[in-house]
Protein backbone atom coordinates (compact mmCIF):
# COMPACT_ATOMS: atom_id res chain seq x y z
CA MET A 1 0.00 0.00 0.00
CA LEU A 2 2.46 2.63 1.24
CA ASN A 3 5.20 1.03 -0.83
CA ARG A 4 3.23 1.77 -4.01
CA LEU A 5 2.80 5.38 -2.95
CA ARG A 6 6.53 5.60 -2.36
CA GLY A 7 7.13 4.61 -5.97
CA VAL A 8 5.15 7.66 -7.08
CA MET A 9 6.84 9.84 -4.45
CA GLN A 10 10.30 8.84 -5.71
CA ARG A 11 9.52 10.35 -9.10
CA VAL A 12 8.01 13.45 -7.51
CA LEU A 13 10.96 13.91 -5.12
CA THR A 14 13.72 13.55 -7.70
CA PRO A 15 13.97 17.32 -8.39
CA LEU A 16 14.04 18.05 -4.62
CA ALA A 17 16.74 15.41 -4.15
CA GLY A 18 18.87 17.10 -6.79
CA ALA A 19 18.38 20.53 -5.21
CA LEU A 20 19.37 19.28 -1.74
CA LEU A 21 22.48 17.58 -3.10
CA ARG A 22 23.51 20.76 -4.89
CA ALA A 23 23.05 22.61 -1.59
CA GLY A 24 25.47 20.21 0.09
CA VAL A 25 22.88 18.28 2.12
CA SER A 26 23.77 14.61 2.62
CA PRO A 27 21.31 11.69 2.44
CA ASP A 28 22.21 10.74 6.02
CA ALA A 29 21.25 14.21 7.23
CA VAL A 30 17.82 13.86 5.59
CA THR A 31 17.36 10.46 7.26
CA VAL A 32 18.22 11.82 10.70
CA VAL A 33 16.14 14.99 10.37
CA GLY A 34 13.12 13.05 9.09
CA THR A 35 13.31 10.66 12.02
CA LEU A 36 13.62 13.51 14.51
CA VAL A 37 10.53 15.21 13.06
CA VAL A 38 8.49 11.99 13.29
CA VAL A 39 9.64 11.25 16.86
CA VAL A 40 9.07 14.80 18.15
CA THR A 41 5.71 15.07 16.38
CA ALA A 42 4.47 11.71 17.67
CA LEU A 43 5.57 12.34 21.25
CA TRP A 44 4.12 15.86 21.29
CA ALA A 45 1.03 15.77 19.09
CA PHE A 46 -0.48 12.44 20.14
CA PRO A 47 -0.20 12.75 23.94
CA THR A 48 -1.63 16.30 23.78
CA GLY A 49 -4.61 15.18 21.68
CA HIS A 50 -3.56 16.70 18.33
CA LEU A 51 -4.26 13.40 16.61
CA PHE A 52 -5.13 14.65 13.13
CA LEU A 53 -2.24 17.11 12.95
CA GLY A 54 0.20 14.49 14.21
CA ALA A 55 -1.04 11.83 11.79
CA LEU A 56 -0.90 14.28 8.88
CA LEU A 57 2.67 15.42 9.57
CA ILE A 58 3.93 11.90 10.19
CA ALA A 59 2.22 10.61 7.03
CA LEU A 60 3.89 13.40 5.05
CA PHE A 61 7.33 12.44 6.30
CA ALA A 62 6.57 8.74 5.84
CA LEU A 63 5.78 9.37 2.18
CA THR A 64 8.98 11.38 1.76
CA ASP A 65 11.01 8.72 3.56
CA SER A 66 12.36 7.62 0.19
CA LEU A 67 13.96 11.05 -0.36
CA ASP A 68 17.22 9.97 1.28
CA GLY A 69 17.34 6.88 -0.93
CA VAL A 70 16.80 8.95 -4.07
CA MET A 71 19.58 11.30 -2.96
CA ALA A 72 21.94 8.42 -2.23
CA ARG A 73 21.41 6.85 -5.65
CA ARG A 74 21.81 10.17 -7.48
CA SER A 75 25.03 10.95 -5.60
CA GLY A 76 26.46 7.44 -5.91
CA ARG A 77 26.50 7.01 -2.13
CA SER A 78 24.00 4.16 -1.98
CA GLY A 79 25.34 1.36 0.17
CA PRO A 80 24.95 -0.77 3.29
CA TRP A 81 25.53 2.10 5.75
CA GLY A 82 22.61 4.15 4.43
CA ALA A 83 20.33 1.11 4.44
CA PHE A 84 21.39 0.26 8.00
CA LEU A 85 20.90 3.82 9.23
CA ASP A 86 17.48 4.14 7.60
CA SER A 87 16.25 0.81 8.94
CA THR A 88 17.55 1.47 12.45
CA LEU A 89 16.05 4.95 12.69
CA ASP A 90 12.72 3.62 11.37
CA ARG A 91 12.45 1.70 14.65
CA PHE A 92 12.64 4.97 16.58
CA GLY A 93 9.89 6.50 14.46
CA ASP A 94 7.60 3.49 14.76
CA GLY A 95 8.20 3.26 18.50
CA ALA A 96 7.42 6.95 19.00
CA ILE A 97 4.12 6.66 17.10
CA PHE A 98 2.77 3.87 19.28
CA ALA A 99 4.31 5.31 22.46
CA GLY A 100 2.53 8.59 21.73
CA LEU A 101 -0.77 6.73 21.36
CA VAL A 102 -0.13 4.84 24.61
CA LEU A 103 0.39 8.15 26.42
CA TRP A 104 -2.77 9.63 24.92
CA PHE A 105 -4.98 6.69 25.85
CA VAL A 106 -3.60 6.62 29.39
CA GLY A 107 -4.25 10.34 29.71
CA GLY A 108 -6.69 12.24 27.50
CA GLY A 109 -7.90 9.19 25.63
CA ASP A 110 -8.88 7.63 28.96
CA SER A 111 -8.81 4.03 27.74
CA HIS A 112 -6.35 1.70 29.42
CA VAL A 113 -7.50 -1.23 27.28
CA THR A 114 -6.61 0.62 24.09
CA ALA A 115 -3.35 1.76 25.67
CA VAL A 116 -2.45 -1.91 26.20
CA LEU A 117 -3.30 -2.63 22.56
CA ALA A 118 -1.06 0.24 21.41
CA LEU A 119 1.70 -1.12 23.63
CA ALA A 120 1.22 -4.57 22.11
CA CYS A 121 1.56 -3.04 18.62
CA LEU A 122 4.75 -1.30 19.73
CA VAL A 123 6.32 -4.51 21.03
CA LEU A 124 5.16 -6.80 18.22
CA GLY A 125 6.09 -4.15 15.65
CA SER A 126 9.69 -4.39 16.85
CA VAL A 127 9.70 -8.19 16.79
CA VAL A 128 8.56 -8.34 13.13
CA PRO A 129 11.70 -6.65 11.70
CA TYR A 130 13.92 -8.38 14.27
CA ALA A 131 12.78 -11.78 13.00
CA ARG A 132 13.75 -10.80 9.47
CA ALA A 133 17.09 -9.28 10.50
CA ARG A 134 18.00 -12.28 12.63
CA ALA A 135 17.10 -14.69 9.81
CA GLU A 136 19.20 -12.74 7.32
CA GLY A 137 22.07 -12.75 9.80
CA LEU A 138 21.89 -16.55 9.75
CA GLY A 139 21.87 -16.65 5.95
CA MET A 140 18.13 -17.22 5.56
CA THR A 141 15.16 -15.06 4.53
CA ALA A 142 12.10 -14.07 6.54
CA SER A 143 10.39 -11.30 4.59
CA GLY A 144 6.69 -11.03 3.88
CA GLY A 145 3.69 -11.68 6.09
CA ILE A 146 0.26 -10.13 6.36
CA ALA A 147 1.39 -7.00 8.23
CA GLU A 148 4.59 -5.47 6.93
CA ARG A 149 5.81 -2.14 8.27
CA ALA A 150 4.41 0.06 5.51
CA ASP A 151 0.93 -1.43 5.84
CA ARG A 152 0.90 -1.16 9.64
CA LEU A 153 2.00 2.45 9.45
CA VAL A 154 -0.58 3.66 6.94
CA VAL A 155 -3.45 1.87 8.73
CA VAL A 156 -2.66 3.29 12.17
CA LEU A 157 -2.15 6.81 10.80
CA LEU A 158 -5.45 6.72 8.91
CA ALA A 159 -7.30 5.54 12.02
CA THR A 160 -5.56 8.10 14.24
CA GLY A 161 -6.35 10.91 11.82
CA ALA A 162 -9.99 9.80 11.63
CA VAL A 163 -10.33 9.91 15.42
CA GLY A 164 -8.68 13.31 15.40
CA LEU A 165 -11.40 14.50 13.01
CA GLY A 166 -14.17 13.29 15.30
CA ALA A 167 -14.58 9.57 14.71
CA PRO A 168 -15.21 7.55 17.90
CA THR A 169 -12.10 6.29 19.69
CA ALA A 170 -13.52 2.79 19.22
CA VAL A 171 -12.28 3.03 15.61
CA LEU A 172 -8.70 3.27 16.80
CA THR A 173 -9.28 0.58 19.41
CA VAL A 174 -10.47 -1.87 16.75
CA VAL A 175 -7.64 -0.96 14.38
CA LEU A 176 -4.98 -1.39 17.07
CA ALA A 177 -6.46 -4.76 18.06
CA LEU A 178 -6.38 -5.92 14.43
CA LEU A 179 -2.83 -4.63 13.99
CA ALA A 180 -1.66 -6.44 17.12
CA VAL A 181 -3.15 -9.70 15.88
CA ALA A 182 -1.79 -9.17 12.35
CA SER A 183 1.68 -8.40 13.72
CA ALA A 184 1.62 -11.56 15.85
CA VAL A 185 0.56 -13.60 12.83
CA THR A 186 3.36 -12.04 10.78
CA VAL A 187 5.91 -13.04 13.43
CA VAL A 188 4.60 -16.62 13.36
CA GLN A 189 4.68 -16.63 9.53
CA ARG A 190 8.31 -15.50 9.52
CA MET A 191 9.27 -18.02 12.19
CA ALA A 192 7.63 -20.79 10.16
CA LYS A 193 9.48 -19.64 7.04
CA VAL A 194 12.82 -19.74 8.84
CA HIS A 195 11.98 -23.13 10.37
CA ARG A 196 11.32 -24.60 6.92
CA GLN A 197 14.65 -23.27 5.66
CA ALA A 198 16.53 -24.52 8.72
CA VAL A 199 15.02 -28.00 8.48
CA GLY A 200 15.64 -28.11 4.73
CA ALA A 201 19.29 -27.21 5.25
CA VAL A 202 19.76 -30.14 7.64
CA GLU A 203 18.05 -32.72 5.43
């Protein structure tokens, strides 16, 4: 879903990437600044009840997340360090989004059940990429699943923005519950995929 939008955004952002490179801005700087904006926005806007504004700003930076990659390819600096930095900082952004929702539901949102669901999404959302990274570190693959990062992100931001515009908080509660289940299923799917590869390697 979001990955398809990023394909369009890459073409749109190419002129901006060229302008930033000419101005001496590095791809790494764009990665770091983008992450900082997402983290600060999520930890300020969500706990203070600015759900729509927070979701809108984070969605904007999520769609422009490919800007650093475009810059790296245009400048010939594309490599493992940039991929590592981008992937690592993505965990900070994702964590801040769900942490911000946890804080809102504990406070202004006044729903401890939904706060627990947001916390579950935060934890499971970190296990999903870990399973893949650990598998790749062992020479196997563990990509795919029903709830990849891009899909989880766009769904939670749409639901958060809708609640910010006046939809009942139950909408976000249901979405977080579904995301938690989908993330757990994705972890199991990746574990099963690695298990098949590990058993096949022994046979």
